[in-house]
Protein backbone atom coordinates (compact mmCIF):
# COMPACT_ATOMS: atom_id res chain seq x y z
CA MET A 1 -34.48 -127.72 24.99
CA SER A 2 -31.29 -129.65 24.73
CA THR A 3 -31.46 -132.47 22.34
CA ASN A 4 -28.51 -134.23 24.26
CA ARG A 5 -29.37 -137.45 26.35
CA ARG A 6 -26.42 -137.40 28.31
CA ASP A 7 -28.55 -136.90 31.35
CA PHE A 8 -31.28 -139.41 30.12
CA LEU A 9 -31.24 -141.69 33.09
CA LYS A 10 -30.69 -138.96 35.84
CA TYR A 11 -33.60 -136.38 34.85
CA GLY A 12 -34.38 -135.77 38.42
CA ALA A 13 -37.54 -133.66 37.95
CA PHE A 14 -39.40 -136.96 37.12
CA ALA A 15 -39.12 -138.08 40.77
CA ALA A 16 -42.10 -135.86 41.59
CA ILE A 17 -44.45 -137.63 39.21
CA GLY A 18 -47.66 -139.09 40.72
CA LEU A 19 -50.48 -141.00 38.98
CA SER A 20 -54.22 -141.36 40.35
CA LEU A 21 -57.03 -143.48 39.28
CA PRO A 22 -57.13 -144.24 35.44
CA PHE A 23 -59.19 -142.16 32.95
CA ARG A 24 -62.17 -144.31 31.89
CA GLY A 25 -62.93 -142.79 28.57
CA LYS A 26 -61.99 -143.60 25.17
CA SER A 27 -59.92 -141.69 22.60
CA ALA A 28 -61.83 -139.69 20.10
CA PHE A 29 -59.73 -141.55 17.60
CA SER A 30 -60.14 -145.11 19.11
CA GLY A 31 -59.67 -147.65 16.42
CA VAL A 32 -58.83 -145.18 13.67
CA PHE A 33 -55.24 -145.38 14.01
CA ALA A 34 -54.94 -148.98 14.68
CA GLY A 35 -53.44 -149.54 11.35
CA SER A 36 -53.33 -152.58 9.00
CA ALA A 37 -51.85 -155.78 9.50
CA ALA A 38 -48.53 -154.20 8.25
CA LYS A 39 -48.45 -151.24 10.67
CA PRO A 40 -50.01 -150.70 14.01
CA GLY A 41 -50.17 -146.93 13.56
CA PHE A 42 -47.71 -144.13 14.38
CA GLY A 43 -46.47 -143.61 17.94
CA ILE A 44 -44.90 -141.05 20.21
CA GLN A 45 -41.69 -141.20 22.07
CA LEU A 46 -42.63 -139.80 25.62
CA TRP A 47 -39.42 -137.86 25.95
CA THR A 48 -41.20 -135.26 23.74
CA VAL A 49 -43.65 -134.37 26.43
CA LYS A 50 -41.42 -134.94 29.57
CA GLU A 51 -42.30 -131.73 31.10
CA ASP A 52 -46.11 -132.20 30.72
CA LEU A 53 -45.70 -135.76 32.10
CA THR A 54 -44.01 -134.52 35.08
CA ALA A 55 -46.75 -132.02 35.88
CA ASN A 56 -49.80 -134.35 35.04
CA ALA A 57 -48.77 -137.79 33.60
CA LYS A 58 -52.56 -138.95 33.51
CA ASN A 59 -53.87 -136.09 31.49
CA THR A 60 -50.87 -135.74 29.27
CA LEU A 61 -51.37 -139.59 28.24
CA GLN A 62 -55.11 -138.93 27.68
CA GLN A 63 -54.21 -135.88 25.41
CA LEU A 64 -51.76 -137.95 23.36
CA SER A 65 -54.39 -140.57 22.73
CA LYS A 66 -56.99 -137.90 21.62
CA ASP A 67 -54.42 -136.42 19.33
CA GLY A 68 -54.38 -139.92 17.56
CA TYR A 69 -51.29 -141.63 18.81
CA GLY A 70 -51.96 -145.38 18.94
CA ILE A 71 -48.53 -146.42 20.49
CA ILE A 72 -46.23 -144.97 22.67
CA GLU A 73 -42.40 -145.52 23.47
CA SER A 74 -41.58 -144.59 26.92
CA PHE A 75 -38.36 -144.04 28.62
CA GLU A 76 -36.70 -144.73 32.14
CA GLY A 77 -36.55 -141.99 34.67
CA PRO A 78 -36.24 -141.99 38.36
CA LYS A 79 -39.83 -143.52 38.58
CA GLY A 80 -38.85 -146.17 35.84
CA MET A 81 -40.51 -146.88 32.55
CA PHE A 82 -44.12 -146.80 33.88
CA TRP A 83 -44.25 -143.62 35.47
CA GLY A 84 -44.59 -144.61 39.10
CA TRP A 85 -47.11 -147.43 38.45
CA LYS A 86 -46.62 -151.03 38.36
CA ASN A 87 -46.15 -152.49 34.83
CA THR A 88 -49.74 -154.18 34.94
CA GLU A 89 -51.33 -150.75 36.26
CA PHE A 90 -49.78 -148.73 33.44
CA LYS A 91 -50.95 -151.24 30.85
CA LYS A 92 -54.45 -151.04 32.16
CA TYR A 93 -54.47 -147.46 31.69
CA MET A 94 -53.15 -147.68 28.20
CA ASP A 95 -55.90 -150.18 27.50
CA ASP A 96 -58.53 -147.56 28.88
CA LEU A 97 -57.04 -145.03 26.26
CA ASN A 98 -56.92 -147.55 23.46
CA MET A 99 -53.14 -147.25 23.21
CA GLN A 100 -50.33 -149.84 23.40
CA ILE A 101 -46.91 -149.33 24.90
CA VAL A 102 -44.67 -150.99 22.31
CA SER A 103 -41.34 -150.07 23.54
CA SER A 104 -39.03 -148.29 26.07
CA HIS A 105 -35.73 -146.75 26.21
CA CYS A 106 -33.79 -148.03 29.31
CA ASP A 107 -30.42 -148.69 30.94
CA ASN A 108 -29.53 -152.09 29.77
CA THR A 109 -26.80 -152.44 32.18
CA LYS A 110 -28.81 -152.38 35.52
CA ASP A 111 -31.35 -154.79 36.60
CA PHE A 112 -32.10 -155.80 33.10
CA GLU A 113 -33.53 -159.18 33.69
CA ARG A 114 -36.31 -157.52 35.94
CA LYS A 115 -36.92 -154.93 33.20
CA ALA A 116 -37.28 -157.50 30.40
CA ALA A 117 -39.52 -159.51 32.36
CA GLU A 118 -41.95 -156.70 33.30
CA ALA A 119 -41.95 -155.53 29.77
CA ALA A 120 -42.76 -158.97 28.54
CA GLU A 121 -45.46 -159.14 31.03
CA ILE A 122 -47.52 -156.71 29.66
CA GLY A 123 -46.87 -157.30 25.86
CA MET A 124 -44.27 -154.77 24.96
CA LYS A 125 -42.04 -155.56 21.86
CA TYR A 126 -38.86 -153.87 22.64
CA LEU A 127 -36.32 -152.59 25.03
CA ILE A 128 -33.84 -150.16 23.72
CA CYS A 129 -30.53 -148.57 24.77
CA PRO A 130 -30.88 -144.89 23.94
CA TYR A 131 -27.32 -143.68 24.40
CA LYS A 132 -23.91 -144.67 24.82
CA GLY A 133 -22.05 -141.42 23.70
CA PRO A 134 -18.83 -140.80 21.89
CA GLN A 135 -15.96 -143.08 22.44
CA LYS A 136 -12.09 -142.79 22.23
CA SER A 137 -11.70 -146.26 20.73
CA ILE A 138 -13.58 -148.32 18.26
CA ASP A 139 -13.00 -151.33 20.69
CA ASP A 140 -15.37 -149.56 23.04
CA PHE A 141 -18.06 -150.02 20.30
CA LYS A 142 -17.17 -153.53 19.80
CA ARG A 143 -17.66 -154.09 23.71
CA PHE A 144 -21.02 -152.30 23.09
CA ALA A 145 -21.99 -154.91 20.58
CA ASP A 146 -21.16 -157.72 22.85
CA GLN A 147 -23.14 -156.01 25.55
CA PHE A 148 -26.05 -155.73 23.24
CA ASN A 149 -25.81 -159.39 22.16
CA ALA A 150 -26.05 -160.15 26.15
CA SER A 151 -29.04 -158.02 26.34
CA GLY A 152 -30.69 -159.50 23.42
CA GLU A 153 -30.25 -163.09 24.91
CA ILE A 154 -32.35 -161.81 27.94
CA CYS A 155 -34.89 -160.32 25.95
CA LYS A 156 -35.14 -163.41 23.72
CA LYS A 157 -35.66 -165.36 26.84
CA ASN A 158 -38.57 -163.27 27.67
CA GLY A 159 -40.09 -163.27 24.25
CA ILE A 160 -39.26 -159.67 23.29
CA ARG A 161 -36.67 -157.94 21.35
CA PHE A 162 -33.70 -155.58 22.20
CA ALA A 163 -32.59 -152.57 20.09
CA TYR A 164 -30.19 -149.84 19.98
CA HIS A 165 -30.98 -146.15 19.10
CA ASN A 166 -28.62 -143.99 17.26
CA HIS A 167 -27.32 -140.41 17.66
CA ASP A 168 -24.80 -138.84 15.31
CA TYR A 169 -21.86 -139.83 17.04
CA SER A 170 -22.09 -143.51 15.85
CA PHE A 171 -21.68 -142.24 12.21
CA LYS A 172 -18.47 -140.50 12.92
CA PRO A 173 -15.23 -142.56 12.17
CA VAL A 174 -13.24 -143.65 15.09
CA ASP A 175 -9.83 -145.48 14.33
CA GLY A 176 -10.84 -145.38 10.79
CA GLU A 177 -13.97 -147.31 11.37
CA VAL A 178 -17.66 -146.35 11.66
CA PRO A 179 -18.98 -147.21 14.88
CA GLN A 180 -22.63 -147.61 13.60
CA THR A 181 -21.27 -150.26 10.99
CA VAL A 182 -19.07 -152.14 13.71
CA MET A 183 -22.06 -152.47 16.19
CA MET A 184 -24.30 -153.83 13.32
CA LYS A 185 -21.61 -156.15 12.18
CA ASN A 186 -20.91 -157.46 15.56
CA THR A 187 -24.38 -157.96 16.88
CA ASP A 188 -26.48 -161.11 16.15
CA PRO A 189 -29.53 -160.23 13.95
CA LYS A 190 -31.43 -162.91 15.81
CA LEU A 191 -30.81 -160.89 19.06
CA VAL A 192 -30.47 -157.30 18.37
CA ASP A 193 -32.33 -154.86 16.09
CA PHE A 194 -31.81 -151.08 15.64
CA GLU A 195 -34.10 -147.96 16.12
CA MET A 196 -33.01 -145.31 13.51
CA ASP A 197 -33.28 -141.81 14.65
CA ILE A 198 -33.71 -140.25 11.37
CA TYR A 199 -32.89 -137.02 12.56
CA TRP A 200 -29.45 -137.92 13.90
CA VAL A 201 -28.57 -139.85 10.71
CA VAL A 202 -29.38 -136.60 8.61
CA ALA A 203 -27.43 -134.51 11.14
CA ALA A 204 -24.54 -136.74 10.72
CA GLY A 205 -24.61 -136.19 7.03
CA GLU A 206 -25.70 -139.74 6.12
CA ASP A 207 -28.59 -140.80 3.96
CA PRO A 208 -31.16 -142.84 5.88
CA LYS A 209 -32.33 -144.56 2.72
CA ALA A 210 -28.90 -145.92 2.27
CA TRP A 211 -28.79 -147.34 5.73
CA PHE A 212 -32.09 -148.86 5.37
CA THR A 213 -31.22 -150.38 1.95
CA ASN A 214 -27.67 -151.65 3.04
CA HIS A 215 -29.01 -153.24 6.25
CA PRO A 216 -32.44 -154.85 5.33
CA GLY A 217 -34.17 -156.23 8.27
CA ARG A 218 -32.15 -154.61 10.87
CA PHE A 219 -33.94 -151.36 11.56
CA LYS A 220 -37.41 -152.22 12.84
CA LEU A 221 -38.45 -148.86 14.49
CA CYS A 222 -37.49 -145.34 13.67
CA HIS A 223 -37.66 -141.95 15.29
CA VAL A 224 -39.75 -139.54 12.95
CA LYS A 225 -38.13 -136.19 13.89
CA ASP A 226 -37.68 -133.22 11.43
CA LEU A 227 -34.46 -131.20 11.25
CA ALA A 228 -34.10 -127.31 10.55
CA ARG A 229 -30.89 -125.84 9.77
CA THR A 230 -29.92 -122.95 12.00
CA ALA A 231 -27.09 -120.62 12.53
CA LYS A 232 -25.61 -123.04 15.21
CA GLY A 233 -26.16 -126.10 13.12
CA HIS A 234 -29.46 -127.81 13.40
CA GLU A 235 -32.64 -128.08 15.64
CA SER A 236 -35.49 -130.43 16.15
CA VAL A 237 -38.56 -128.71 14.69
CA GLN A 238 -42.33 -129.72 14.13
CA LEU A 239 -42.75 -132.46 11.31
CA GLY A 240 -43.05 -130.72 8.04
CA LYS A 241 -41.22 -127.55 9.12
CA GLY A 242 -37.75 -128.90 8.51
CA THR A 243 -35.59 -130.38 5.60
CA ILE A 244 -36.40 -134.16 5.96
CA ASP A 245 -38.12 -135.98 3.21
CA PHE A 246 -39.98 -138.45 5.31
CA ALA A 247 -42.17 -139.79 2.49
CA SER A 248 -39.35 -141.20 0.38
CA ILE A 249 -37.36 -142.26 3.60
CA LEU A 250 -40.29 -144.15 5.23
CA LYS A 251 -41.37 -145.83 1.94
CA VAL A 252 -37.75 -147.20 1.72
CA GLY A 253 -37.64 -148.19 5.29
CA ASP A 254 -40.97 -149.91 5.41
CA SER A 255 -39.90 -152.00 2.37
CA LYS A 256 -36.75 -153.03 4.17
CA GLY A 257 -38.44 -154.31 7.33
CA LEU A 258 -39.30 -151.16 9.32
CA LYS A 259 -42.17 -151.72 11.64
CA TYR A 260 -42.78 -148.69 14.02
CA HIS A 261 -43.02 -145.07 13.01
CA ILE A 262 -42.42 -143.17 16.27
CA VAL A 263 -42.70 -139.28 16.48
CA GLU A 264 -40.05 -137.51 18.61
CA GLN A 265 -39.56 -133.65 19.14
CA GLU A 266 -36.79 -132.24 21.23
CA ALA A 267 -37.09 -128.51 20.62
CA PHE A 268 -40.15 -126.07 20.75
CA THR A 269 -39.40 -122.54 19.52
CA GLY A 270 -42.40 -120.63 19.58
CA THR A 271 -44.85 -123.35 20.77
CA ASN A 272 -45.06 -126.05 23.50
CA PRO A 273 -44.48 -129.69 23.70
CA LEU A 274 -48.12 -130.68 23.74
CA ASP A 275 -49.28 -128.36 20.86
CA SER A 276 -46.23 -129.76 18.98
CA ALA A 277 -47.29 -133.31 19.70
CA LYS A 278 -50.77 -132.64 18.43
CA ALA A 279 -49.34 -130.77 15.19
CA ASP A 280 -46.90 -133.78 14.53
CA ALA A 281 -49.87 -136.23 14.87
CA GLU A 282 -51.85 -134.08 12.22
CA TYR A 283 -48.68 -134.47 10.10
CA MET A 284 -48.45 -138.22 10.32
CA ARG A 285 -52.32 -138.54 9.89
CA MET A 286 -52.18 -136.18 6.72
CA HIS A 287 -49.41 -138.36 5.31
CA GLN A 288 -50.88 -141.60 6.35
CA PHE A 289 -47.32 -142.59 7.92
């Protein structure tokens, strides 16, 4: 499975999604992973189980709740961030599962006022730009920063926050400057936060702890995604089966303002996405992340 999000907003298979009446039961883990005042519990980016959601979104979300995921981060496909439901209907289903949709990846250049209003209406905390892609000029990243500030203004008006999610390309110098640094310097901390995808920081040869330390308070969410070295370079694997030391990284991140630990996996050699999601939840629970 490709880790590339270039086709993120045109993943056509999701057009077939249909949801029926909500599940009325409660998660076997109800309340256990609500977390302390400092942490709301670990979550999962729904991209991890996108094929299962396509086949049966209702049952897939129910299974994630049983696995112990207290929060979810959605993404925007052809049916929107709420999988064909209205935002309030989706929230009701989350309530039935004792889960909370905290954030969603989405296209912040199209109809963003509506998206922000709908997210705020159901208590979401963040809307996140997931991908911009490599650029030829550092000026392109400066323009992105301006765009992010504008999106942050819209989110602030609605009482929520805006963030940008990195890939490896933003750590590769362009015109002698590092795009990630440029975007962070040119965005207003009162308007724009960042979601650190730990996998992509490591893939870029960077130290996540250094980025947390050098930019305190800017990274409010992170993707907990493990990396294994392969003959072709690297691959996303189940948590604990790769090379990333999450214990030390998340400890530093938490001390520098990190609020949300969100599991994501994008490749599934020898297993399937739902089984991997369950194993990843067990890893998070075991290590109390």
